[in-house]
Amino acid sequence: MTVPVLPAQGALRRRLTPWLLVAPAALWLLVFNVWPSLNTLVLAFTNAKPLSGGHFTGLANFERMLDDSQLVDALLNSIVFMLVCLPVLVLLPLLLAVLVEKKIPGITFFRTAFYTPVVASAVVVALIWSWLLSDRGLINGLAQALGVLQGPLPFLTDRWLLVFSAITLTVWKGLGYYMIIYLSALGNVRRELHEAAAVDGAGPVRRFWSVTVPGVRNTMLLISVLVSVSALRVFSELYVLSNGTGGPGGRAMSLVMLIQLYSRGFYGHFGYASALSLLLFVITIGPMLLLARLNRKAS
């Protein structure tokens, strides 16, 4: 015998059902996103350490930043990383996408080849590159065998060579990912525009700048944000290439590596590491707000 459902019970069930469905995801968000973020904000104003709760110190951690030479080096490395990666990873994947978009025999092989580094582990790829770039690695060995170099280049022991080696690795690994994003955007560029431009006498280069680039402008802004944020938050590439040391004297560290340095071990400084995390958050938000404003002006 079926038990009838009262109207009041049915209304209550309809109200509760959406909340019950959302509850697991909301709980996950609160526990692993909201609570850690709020805790980081609180810790930034304390001198907390792993074995002690610490106490409120006001702006002491932020004042400490003004005299931290390692922070200056880490900020400079992260900004250089972003300034170099941004134009390269915005334009080069677009050129690759235009090339592999063409329907010619064997183009699938090149699409797969360009995308293969994306699916590889960042740590594994960085380890392979560290072997290639070491003093006795393939690149130095081949260059010396051909007589190009008299001695090995210190790719992994010189500050700026290490930073630019990590940038090269990041570009190589990210090309395929952003190429796929551009490929989906190029599918929305109307063919009639290219045909009309060709009829008017525009060559391939002119059509690229006058038709293709304006057609994928929003995608370029999206990729600019993604590249800027990931470049400012770089960690694995520099960490593995420097074998966790941050280069000579720790001067090739990124800001994330510096945060990790201050927060690890039994004698870590959670308060200062949290303050550095807030600084990273503010710096990361900057390019996003700037690009959003440019997008509004262009619209």
C-alpha atoms as a PDB file:
ATOM      1  CA  MET A   1       0.000   0.000   0.000  1.00  0.00           C
ATOM      2  CA  THR A   2       1.451   3.375  -1.059  1.00  0.00           C
ATOM      3  CA  VAL A   3       1.694   6.046   1.621  1.00  0.00           C
ATOM      4  CA  PRO A   4       0.330   9.330   0.288  1.00  0.00           C
ATOM      5  CA  VAL A   5       2.695  12.336   0.345  1.00  0.00           C
ATOM      6  CA  LEU A   6       1.202  15.419   1.880  1.00  0.00           C
ATOM      7  CA  PRO A   7       1.528  18.704  -0.068  1.00  0.00           C
ATOM      8  CA  ALA A   8       3.628  20.223   2.708  1.00  0.00           C
ATOM      9  CA  GLN A   9       6.000  17.242   2.633  1.00  0.00           C
ATOM     10  CA  GLY A  10       6.319  17.458  -1.141  1.00  0.00           C
ATOM     11  CA  ALA A  11       7.172  21.153  -0.997  1.00  0.00           C
ATOM     12  CA  LEU A  12       9.765  20.538   1.717  1.00  0.00           C
ATOM     13  CA  ARG A  13      11.307  17.735  -0.313  1.00  0.00           C
ATOM     14  CA  ARG A  14      11.540  19.967  -3.391  1.00  0.00           C
ATOM     15  CA  ARG A  15      13.312  22.630  -1.346  1.00  0.00           C
ATOM     16  CA  LEU A  16      15.762  20.234   0.319  1.00  0.00           C
ATOM     17  CA  THR A  17      16.682  18.086  -2.693  1.00  0.00           C
ATOM     18  CA  PRO A  18      18.847  20.736  -4.478  1.00  0.00           C
ATOM     19  CA  TRP A  19      20.683  21.509  -1.236  1.00  0.00           C
ATOM     20  CA  LEU A  20      21.350  17.830  -0.591  1.00  0.00           C
ATOM     21  CA  LEU A  21      22.804  17.466  -4.084  1.00  0.00           C
ATOM     22  CA  VAL A  22      25.024  20.514  -3.638  1.00  0.00           C
ATOM     23  CA  ALA A  23      26.080  19.640  -0.069  1.00  0.00           C
ATOM     24  CA  PRO A  24      29.057  17.296  -0.893  1.00  0.00           C
ATOM     25  CA  ALA A  25      30.644  19.792  -3.283  1.00  0.00           C
ATOM     26  CA  ALA A  26      29.945  22.696  -0.907  1.00  0.00           C
ATOM     27  CA  LEU A  27      31.496  20.776   2.001  1.00  0.00           C
ATOM     28  CA  TRP A  28      34.573  19.972  -0.094  1.00  0.00           C
ATOM     29  CA  LEU A  29      34.875  23.645  -1.080  1.00  0.00           C
ATOM     30  CA  LEU A  30      34.596  24.826   2.508  1.00  0.00           C
ATOM     31  CA  VAL A  31      37.093  22.308   3.916  1.00  0.00           C
ATOM     32  CA  PHE A  32      39.764  22.436   1.209  1.00  0.00           C
ATOM     33  CA  ASN A  33      39.406  25.982  -0.207  1.00  0.00           C
ATOM     34  CA  VAL A  34      37.594  28.454   2.008  1.00  0.00           C
ATOM     35  CA  TRP A  35      38.975  27.320   5.375  1.00  0.00           C
ATOM     36  CA  PRO A  36      42.659  27.124   4.231  1.00  0.00           C
ATOM     37  CA  SER A  37      42.344  30.569   2.630  1.00  0.00           C
ATOM     38  CA  LEU A  38      40.913  32.119   5.787  1.00  0.00           C
ATOM     39  CA  ASN A  39      43.515  30.329   7.910  1.00  0.00           C
ATOM     40  CA  THR A  40      46.309  31.678   5.690  1.00  0.00           C
ATOM     41  CA  LEU A  41      44.926  35.185   6.103  1.00  0.00           C
ATOM     42  CA  VAL A  42      44.954  34.822   9.912  1.00  0.00           C
ATOM     43  CA  LEU A  43      48.421  33.212  10.050  1.00  0.00           C
ATOM     44  CA  ALA A  44      49.902  36.072   7.993  1.00  0.00           C
ATOM     45  CA  PHE A  45      49.549  38.321  11.060  1.00  0.00           C
ATOM     46  CA  THR A  46      51.138  35.871  13.509  1.00  0.00           C
ATOM     47  CA  ASN A  47      54.535  34.256  14.115  1.00  0.00           C
ATOM     48  CA  ALA A  48      53.094  30.732  13.967  1.00  0.00           C
ATOM     49  CA  LYS A  49      55.449  27.760  13.658  1.00  0.00           C
ATOM     50  CA  PRO A  50      54.781  24.015  13.216  1.00  0.00           C
ATOM     51  CA  LEU A  51      55.246  23.199  16.906  1.00  0.00           C
ATOM     52  CA  SER A  52      53.663  26.339  18.343  1.00  0.00           C
ATOM     53  CA  GLY A  53      50.479  28.251  17.698  1.00  0.00           C
ATOM     54  CA  GLY A  54      52.217  31.618  17.723  1.00  0.00           C
ATOM     55  CA  HIS A  55      50.681  34.932  18.637  1.00  0.00           C
ATOM     56  CA  PHE A  56      49.495  38.071  16.873  1.00  0.00           C
ATOM     57  CA  THR A  57      52.350  40.216  15.543  1.00  0.00           C
ATOM     58  CA  GLY A  58      50.468  42.766  13.446  1.00  0.00           C
ATOM     59  CA  LEU A  59      52.314  43.830  10.283  1.00  0.00           C
ATOM     60  CA  ALA A  60      55.678  42.427  11.400  1.00  0.00           C
ATOM     61  CA  ASN A  61      55.737  39.780   8.652  1.00  0.00           C
ATOM     62  CA  PHE A  62      55.031  42.376   5.973  1.00  0.00           C
ATOM     63  CA  GLU A  63      57.709  44.689   7.369  1.00  0.00           C
ATOM     64  CA  ARG A  64      60.137  41.774   7.207  1.00  0.00           C
ATOM     65  CA  MET A  65      59.548  41.541   3.462  1.00  0.00           C
ATOM     66  CA  LEU A  66      61.160  44.958   2.960  1.00  0.00           C
ATOM     67  CA  ASP A  67      64.527  43.609   4.151  1.00  0.00           C
ATOM     68  CA  ASP A  68      64.346  40.149   2.587  1.00  0.00           C
ATOM     69  CA  SER A  69      66.889  39.945  -0.252  1.00  0.00           C
ATOM     70  CA  GLN A  70      65.678  36.441  -1.172  1.00  0.00           C
ATOM     71  CA  LEU A  71      62.197  37.861  -1.730  1.00  0.00           C
ATOM     72  CA  VAL A  72      63.588  40.499  -4.092  1.00  0.00           C
ATOM     73  CA  ASP A  73      65.369  37.798  -6.125  1.00  0.00           C
ATOM     74  CA  ALA A  74      62.284  35.558  -6.153  1.00  0.00           C
ATOM     75  CA  LEU A  75      60.017  38.412  -7.267  1.00  0.00           C
ATOM     76  CA  LEU A  76      62.426  39.375 -10.042  1.00  0.00           C
ATOM     77  CA  ASN A  77      62.682  35.760 -11.235  1.00  0.00           C
ATOM     78  CA  SER A  78      58.898  35.331 -11.249  1.00  0.00           C
ATOM     79  CA  ILE A  79      58.306  38.603 -13.097  1.00  0.00           C
ATOM     80  CA  VAL A  80      60.971  37.808 -15.706  1.00  0.00           C
ATOM     81  CA  PHE A  81      59.416  34.368 -16.064  1.00  0.00           C
ATOM     82  CA  MET A  82      56.016  35.938 -16.775  1.00  0.00           C
ATOM     83  CA  LEU A  83      57.305  38.667 -19.118  1.00  0.00           C
ATOM     84  CA  VAL A  84      59.117  36.128 -21.294  1.00  0.00           C
ATOM     85  CA  CYS A  85      56.479  33.384 -21.266  1.00  0.00           C
ATOM     86  CA  LEU A  86      53.532  35.708 -21.900  1.00  0.00           C
ATOM     87  CA  PRO A  87      54.257  36.866 -25.483  1.00  0.00           C
ATOM     88  CA  VAL A  88      55.785  33.532 -26.518  1.00  0.00           C
ATOM     89  CA  LEU A  89      52.916  31.361 -25.245  1.00  0.00           C
ATOM     90  CA  VAL A  90      50.277  33.730 -26.621  1.00  0.00           C
ATOM     91  CA  LEU A  91      51.622  34.034 -30.193  1.00  0.00           C
ATOM     92  CA  LEU A  92      53.560  30.823 -30.888  1.00  0.00           C
ATOM     93  CA  PRO A  93      50.671  28.403 -30.111  1.00  0.00           C
ATOM     94  CA  LEU A  94      48.430  30.513 -32.370  1.00  0.00           C
ATOM     95  CA  LEU A  95      50.883  30.113 -35.251  1.00  0.00           C
ATOM     96  CA  LEU A  96      51.056  26.356 -34.597  1.00  0.00           C
ATOM     97  CA  ALA A  97      47.248  26.149 -34.477  1.00  0.00           C
ATOM     98  CA  VAL A  98      46.967  27.932 -37.845  1.00  0.00           C
ATOM     99  CA  LEU A  99      49.467  25.471 -39.334  1.00  0.00           C
ATOM    100  CA  VAL A 100      47.965  22.250 -37.943  1.00  0.00           C
ATOM    101  CA  GLU A 101      44.407  23.409 -38.703  1.00  0.00           C
ATOM    102  CA  LYS A 102      45.007  22.746 -42.388  1.00  0.00           C
ATOM    103  CA  LYS A 103      43.589  19.439 -43.604  1.00  0.00           C
ATOM    104  CA  ILE A 104      46.571  17.820 -45.269  1.00  0.00           C
ATOM    105  CA  PRO A 105      47.841  14.216 -45.111  1.00  0.00           C
ATOM    106  CA  GLY A 106      49.813  13.446 -41.960  1.00  0.00           C
ATOM    107  CA  ILE A 107      48.730  16.556 -40.034  1.00  0.00           C
ATOM    108  CA  THR A 108      47.303  14.365 -37.237  1.00  0.00           C
ATOM    109  CA  PHE A 109      50.824  13.167 -36.468  1.00  0.00           C
ATOM    110  CA  PHE A 110      52.029  16.740 -35.910  1.00  0.00           C
ATOM    111  CA  ARG A 111      49.013  17.568 -33.745  1.00  0.00           C
ATOM    112  CA  THR A 112      49.799  14.569 -31.571  1.00  0.00           C
ATOM    113  CA  ALA A 113      53.517  15.373 -31.461  1.00  0.00           C
ATOM    114  CA  PHE A 114      52.880  18.950 -30.335  1.00  0.00           C
ATOM    115  CA  TYR A 115      50.398  17.834 -27.668  1.00  0.00           C
ATOM    116  CA  THR A 116      52.413  14.904 -26.263  1.00  0.00           C
ATOM    117  CA  PRO A 117      54.508  17.025 -23.804  1.00  0.00           C
ATOM    118  CA  VAL A 118      51.283  18.296 -22.220  1.00  0.00           C
ATOM    119  CA  VAL A 119      50.237  14.867 -20.944  1.00  0.00           C
ATOM    120  CA  ALA A 120      53.684  14.090 -19.536  1.00  0.00           C
ATOM    121  CA  SER A 121      54.355  14.726 -15.859  1.00  0.00           C
ATOM    122  CA  ALA A 122      56.019  18.091 -15.223  1.00  0.00           C
ATOM    123  CA  VAL A 123      58.441  16.482 -12.772  1.00  0.00           C
ATOM    124  CA  VAL A 124      59.437  13.707 -15.182  1.00  0.00           C
ATOM    125  CA  VAL A 125      59.931  16.183 -18.026  1.00  0.00           C
ATOM    126  CA  ALA A 126      62.018  18.458 -15.791  1.00  0.00           C
ATOM    127  CA  LEU A 127      64.184  15.497 -14.753  1.00  0.00           C
ATOM    128  CA  ILE A 128      64.816  14.624 -18.412  1.00  0.00           C
ATOM    129  CA  TRP A 129      65.739  18.231 -19.144  1.00  0.00           C
ATOM    130  CA  SER A 130      68.078  18.338 -16.155  1.00  0.00           C
ATOM    131  CA  TRP A 131      69.925  15.356 -17.605  1.00  0.00           C
ATOM    132  CA  LEU A 132      70.089  17.031 -21.007  1.00  0.00           C
ATOM    133  CA  LEU A 133      71.345  20.367 -19.609  1.00  0.00           C
ATOM    134  CA  SER A 134      73.827  19.110 -17.017  1.00  0.00           C
ATOM    135  CA  ASP A 135      77.558  19.702 -17.488  1.00  0.00           C
ATOM    136  CA  ARG A 136      77.923  16.145 -18.808  1.00  0.00           C
ATOM    137  CA  GLY A 137      74.539  16.117 -20.512  1.00  0.00           C
ATOM    138  CA  LEU A 138      73.658  15.626 -24.152  1.00  0.00           C
ATOM    139  CA  ILE A 139      73.586  19.304 -25.127  1.00  0.00           C
ATOM    140  CA  ASN A 140      76.951  20.240 -23.606  1.00  0.00           C
ATOM    141  CA  GLY A 141      78.527  16.991 -24.780  1.00  0.00           C
ATOM    142  CA  LEU A 142      77.293  17.427 -28.348  1.00  0.00           C
ATOM    143  CA  ALA A 143      78.321  21.109 -28.471  1.00  0.00           C
ATOM    144  CA  GLN A 144      81.821  20.283 -27.245  1.00  0.00           C
ATOM    145  CA  ALA A 145      82.142  17.335 -29.634  1.00  0.00           C
ATOM    146  CA  LEU A 146      81.287  19.627 -32.572  1.00  0.00           C
ATOM    147  CA  GLY A 147      83.731  22.240 -31.364  1.00  0.00           C
ATOM    148  CA  VAL A 148      81.052  24.854 -30.680  1.00  0.00           C
ATOM    149  CA  LEU A 149      82.016  25.087 -26.990  1.00  0.00           C
ATOM    150  CA  GLN A 150      85.384  24.704 -25.294  1.00  0.00           C
ATOM    151  CA  GLY A 151      83.766  23.876 -21.952  1.00  0.00           C
ATOM    152  CA  PRO A 152      80.272  23.103 -20.646  1.00  0.00           C
ATOM    153  CA  LEU A 153      77.749  25.894 -20.282  1.00  0.00           C
ATOM    154  CA  PRO A 154      76.452  26.125 -16.672  1.00  0.00           C
ATOM    155  CA  PHE A 155      72.784  25.761 -17.586  1.00  0.00           C
ATOM    156  CA  LEU A 156      71.909  24.478 -14.101  1.00  0.00           C
ATOM    157  CA  THR A 157      74.435  26.348 -11.971  1.00  0.00           C
ATOM    158  CA  ASP A 158      74.197  29.906 -13.321  1.00  0.00           C
ATOM    159  CA  ARG A 159      71.255  31.946 -12.049  1.00  0.00           C
ATOM    160  CA  TRP A 160      69.942  33.394 -15.297  1.00  0.00           C
ATOM    161  CA  LEU A 161      70.829  30.387 -17.444  1.00  0.00           C
ATOM    162  CA  LEU A 162      68.839  28.282 -14.972  1.00  0.00           C
ATOM    163  CA  VAL A 163      65.860  30.657 -15.094  1.00  0.00           C
ATOM    164  CA  PHE A 164      65.832  30.766 -18.896  1.00  0.00           C
ATOM    165  CA  SER A 165      66.266  26.995 -19.089  1.00  0.00           C
ATOM    166  CA  ALA A 166      63.138  26.674 -16.943  1.00  0.00           C
ATOM    167  CA  ILE A 167      61.359  29.192 -19.201  1.00  0.00           C
ATOM    168  CA  THR A 168      62.305  27.156 -22.278  1.00  0.00           C
ATOM    169  CA  LEU A 169      60.998  24.002 -20.602  1.00  0.00           C
ATOM    170  CA  THR A 170      57.734  25.748 -19.672  1.00  0.00           C
ATOM    171  CA  VAL A 171      57.236  27.033 -23.227  1.00  0.00           C
ATOM    172  CA  TRP A 172      58.001  23.634 -24.754  1.00  0.00           C
ATOM    173  CA  LYS A 173      55.566  21.874 -22.423  1.00  0.00           C
ATOM    174  CA  GLY A 174      52.778  24.452 -22.768  1.00  0.00           C
ATOM    175  CA  LEU A 175      52.751  24.902 -26.544  1.00  0.00           C
ATOM    176  CA  GLY A 176      50.450  21.964 -27.237  1.00  0.00           C
ATOM    177  CA  TYR A 177      47.962  22.876 -24.503  1.00  0.00           C
ATOM    178  CA  TYR A 178      47.402  26.424 -25.720  1.00  0.00           C
ATOM    179  CA  MET A 179      47.483  25.229 -29.344  1.00  0.00           C
ATOM    180  CA  ILE A 180      44.413  23.064 -28.654  1.00  0.00           C
ATOM    181  CA  ILE A 181      42.578  26.056 -27.145  1.00  0.00           C
ATOM    182  CA  TYR A 182      43.367  28.109 -30.237  1.00  0.00           C
ATOM    183  CA  LEU A 183      42.228  25.299 -32.526  1.00  0.00           C
ATOM    184  CA  SER A 184      38.770  25.374 -30.962  1.00  0.00           C
ATOM    185  CA  ALA A 185      38.679  29.177 -31.333  1.00  0.00           C
ATOM    186  CA  LEU A 186      39.787  29.079 -34.987  1.00  0.00           C
ATOM    187  CA  GLY A 187      36.790  26.898 -35.754  1.00  0.00           C
ATOM    188  CA  ASN A 188      34.566  29.889 -34.940  1.00  0.00           C
ATOM    189  CA  VAL A 189      36.320  32.259 -37.368  1.00  0.00           C
ATOM    190  CA  ARG A 190      34.100  32.514 -40.440  1.00  0.00           C
ATOM    191  CA  ARG A 191      35.649  31.243 -43.672  1.00  0.00           C
ATOM    192  CA  GLU A 192      33.799  33.913 -45.616  1.00  0.00           C
ATOM    193  CA  LEU A 193      36.021  36.564 -44.032  1.00  0.00           C
ATOM    194  CA  HIS A 194      39.178  34.827 -45.239  1.00  0.00           C
ATOM    195  CA  GLU A 195      37.694  34.375 -48.705  1.00  0.00           C
ATOM    196  CA  ALA A 196      36.639  38.024 -48.907  1.00  0.00           C
ATOM    197  CA  ALA A 197      40.096  39.162 -47.778  1.00  0.00           C
ATOM    198  CA  ALA A 198      41.732  36.898 -50.389  1.00  0.00           C
ATOM    199  CA  VAL A 199      39.499  38.335 -53.110  1.00  0.00           C
ATOM    200  CA  ASP A 200      40.595  41.834 -52.054  1.00  0.00           C
ATOM    201  CA  GLY A 201      44.197  40.787 -52.599  1.00  0.00           C
ATOM    202  CA  ALA A 202      45.278  40.141 -48.986  1.00  0.00           C
ATOM    203  CA  GLY A 203      48.071  37.603 -48.629  1.00  0.00           C
ATOM    204  CA  PRO A 204      48.399  34.959 -45.888  1.00  0.00           C
ATOM    205  CA  VAL A 205      50.232  37.293 -43.491  1.00  0.00           C
ATOM    206  CA  ARG A 206      47.719  40.105 -43.994  1.00  0.00           C
ATOM    207  CA  ARG A 207      44.792  37.714 -43.512  1.00  0.00           C
ATOM    208  CA  PHE A 208      46.405  36.411 -40.332  1.00  0.00           C
ATOM    209  CA  TRP A 209      46.668  39.870 -38.742  1.00  0.00           C
ATOM    210  CA  SER A 210      43.404  41.272 -40.116  1.00  0.00           C
ATOM    211  CA  VAL A 211      41.084  38.252 -39.862  1.00  0.00           C
ATOM    212  CA  THR A 212      42.532  35.506 -37.669  1.00  0.00           C
ATOM    213  CA  VAL A 213      43.899  37.605 -34.791  1.00  0.00           C
ATOM    214  CA  PRO A 214      40.717  39.718 -34.340  1.00  0.00           C
ATOM    215  CA  GLY A 215      38.643  36.533 -34.542  1.00  0.00           C
ATOM    216  CA  VAL A 216      40.471  34.902 -31.634  1.00  0.00           C
ATOM    217  CA  ARG A 217      41.045  38.078 -29.570  1.00  0.00           C
ATOM    218  CA  ASN A 218      38.966  36.873 -26.613  1.00  0.00           C
ATOM    219  CA  THR A 219      40.840  33.571 -26.612  1.00  0.00           C
ATOM    220  CA  MET A 220      44.151  35.439 -26.653  1.00  0.00           C
ATOM    221  CA  LEU A 221      43.073  37.370 -23.560  1.00  0.00           C
ATOM    222  CA  LEU A 222      42.052  34.138 -21.833  1.00  0.00           C
ATOM    223  CA  ILE A 223      45.404  32.528 -22.618  1.00  0.00           C
ATOM    224  CA  SER A 224      47.195  35.684 -21.461  1.00  0.00           C
ATOM    225  CA  VAL A 225      45.538  35.316 -18.056  1.00  0.00           C
ATOM    226  CA  LEU A 226      46.324  31.589 -17.853  1.00  0.00           C
ATOM    227  CA  VAL A 227      49.966  32.101 -18.841  1.00  0.00           C
ATOM    228  CA  SER A 228      50.458  35.051 -16.475  1.00  0.00           C
ATOM    229  CA  VAL A 229      49.038  33.197 -13.475  1.00  0.00           C
ATOM    230  CA  SER A 230      50.908  29.954 -14.153  1.00  0.00           C
ATOM    231  CA  ALA A 231      54.196  31.809 -14.784  1.00  0.00           C
ATOM    232  CA  LEU A 232      53.946  33.728 -11.515  1.00  0.00           C
ATOM    233  CA  ARG A 233      53.189  30.457  -9.711  1.00  0.00           C
ATOM    234  CA  VAL A 234      55.977  28.420 -11.338  1.00  0.00           C
ATOM    235  CA  PHE A 235      57.502  25.782  -9.070  1.00  0.00           C
ATOM    236  CA  SER A 236      58.197  22.318 -10.502  1.00  0.00           C
ATOM    237  CA  GLU A 237      60.449  23.415 -13.368  1.00  0.00           C
ATOM    238  CA  LEU A 238      62.794  25.547 -11.258  1.00  0.00           C
ATOM    239  CA  TYR A 239      62.685  23.175  -8.301  1.00  0.00           C
ATOM    240  CA  VAL A 240      63.676  20.069 -10.265  1.00  0.00           C
ATOM    241  CA  LEU A 241      66.222  21.768 -12.540  1.00  0.00           C
ATOM    242  CA  SER A 242      67.961  23.286  -9.491  1.00  0.00           C
ATOM    243  CA  ASN A 243      67.677  20.017  -7.560  1.00  0.00           C
ATOM    244  CA  GLY A 244      65.640  21.829  -4.917  1.00  0.00           C
ATOM    245  CA  THR A 245      68.365  24.368  -4.128  1.00  0.00           C
ATOM    246  CA  GLY A 246      67.034  27.326  -6.082  1.00  0.00           C
ATOM    247  CA  GLY A 247      70.296  27.710  -7.970  1.00  0.00           C
ATOM    248  CA  PRO A 248      73.538  29.313  -6.739  1.00  0.00           C
ATOM    249  CA  GLY A 249      72.882  30.850  -3.349  1.00  0.00           C
ATOM    250  CA  GLY A 250      69.152  30.242  -3.794  1.00  0.00           C
ATOM    251  CA  ARG A 251      68.970  33.243  -6.151  1.00  0.00           C
ATOM    252  CA  ALA A 252      67.041  31.410  -8.885  1.00  0.00           C
ATOM    253  CA  MET A 253      64.034  30.663  -6.665  1.00  0.00           C
ATOM    254  CA  SER A 254      60.502  31.537  -7.655  1.00  0.00           C
ATOM    255  CA  LEU A 255      58.084  33.085  -5.185  1.00  0.00           C
ATOM    256  CA  VAL A 256      56.348  29.724  -4.693  1.00  0.00           C
ATOM    257  CA  MET A 257      59.694  28.061  -3.964  1.00  0.00           C
ATOM    258  CA  LEU A 258      60.408  30.722  -1.347  1.00  0.00           C
ATOM    259  CA  ILE A 259      57.025  30.096   0.297  1.00  0.00           C
ATOM    260  CA  GLN A 260      57.774  26.387   0.357  1.00  0.00           C
ATOM    261  CA  LEU A 261      61.202  27.052   1.858  1.00  0.00           C
ATOM    262  CA  TYR A 262      59.775  29.023   4.789  1.00  0.00           C
ATOM    263  CA  SER A 263      56.908  26.623   5.467  1.00  0.00           C
ATOM    264  CA  ARG A 264      58.665  23.256   5.517  1.00  0.00           C
ATOM    265  CA  GLY A 265      60.262  21.356   8.377  1.00  0.00           C
ATOM    266  CA  PHE A 266      59.844  21.571  12.130  1.00  0.00           C
ATOM    267  CA  TYR A 267      61.343  25.056  12.208  1.00  0.00           C
ATOM    268  CA  GLY A 268      59.261  26.555   9.424  1.00  0.00           C
ATOM    269  CA  HIS A 269      57.819  30.041   9.698  1.00  0.00           C
ATOM    270  CA  PHE A 270      54.143  29.574   8.867  1.00  0.00           C
ATOM    271  CA  GLY A 271      53.347  33.192   9.620  1.00  0.00           C
ATOM    272  CA  TYR A 272      55.885  34.623   7.179  1.00  0.00           C
ATOM    273  CA  ALA A 273      55.070  31.969   4.572  1.00  0.00           C
ATOM    274  CA  SER A 274      51.385  32.937   4.837  1.00  0.00           C
ATOM    275  CA  ALA A 275      52.278  36.601   4.367  1.00  0.00           C
ATOM    276  CA  LEU A 276      54.250  35.668   1.243  1.00  0.00           C
ATOM    277  CA  SER A 277      51.215  33.712   0.018  1.00  0.00           C
ATOM    278  CA  LEU A 278      49.067  36.840   0.352  1.00  0.00           C
ATOM    279  CA  LEU A 279      51.688  38.789  -1.597  1.00  0.00           C
ATOM    280  CA  LEU A 280      51.595  36.157  -4.336  1.00  0.00           C
ATOM    281  CA  PHE A 281      47.791  36.358  -4.409  1.00  0.00           C
ATOM    282  CA  VAL A 282      47.880  40.147  -4.844  1.00  0.00           C
ATOM    283  CA  ILE A 283      50.532  39.939  -7.577  1.00  0.00           C
ATOM    284  CA  THR A 284      48.572  37.227  -9.392  1.00  0.00           C
ATOM    285  CA  ILE A 285      45.349  39.229  -9.303  1.00  0.00           C
ATOM    286  CA  GLY A 286      47.094  42.226 -10.914  1.00  0.00           C
ATOM    287  CA  PRO A 287      47.518  40.825 -14.467  1.00  0.00           C
ATOM    288  CA  MET A 288      44.000  39.376 -14.356  1.00  0.00           C
ATOM    289  CA  LEU A 289      42.437  42.752 -13.522  1.00  0.00           C
ATOM    290  CA  LEU A 290      44.582  44.523 -16.131  1.00  0.00           C
ATOM    291  CA  LEU A 291      43.640  42.090 -18.894  1.00  0.00           C
ATOM    292  CA  ALA A 292      39.967  42.235 -17.896  1.00  0.00           C
ATOM    293  CA  ARG A 293      40.063  46.020 -18.184  1.00  0.00           C
ATOM    294  CA  LEU A 294      41.724  45.811 -21.597  1.00  0.00           C
ATOM    295  CA  ASN A 295      39.027  43.392 -22.684  1.00  0.00           C
ATOM    296  CA  ARG A 296      36.277  45.793 -21.620  1.00  0.00           C
ATOM    297  CA  LYS A 297      37.938  48.681 -23.459  1.00  0.00           C
ATOM    298  CA  ALA A 298      38.326  46.608 -26.613  1.00  0.00           C
ATOM    299  CA  SER A 299      34.662  45.588 -26.435  1.00  0.00           C
END
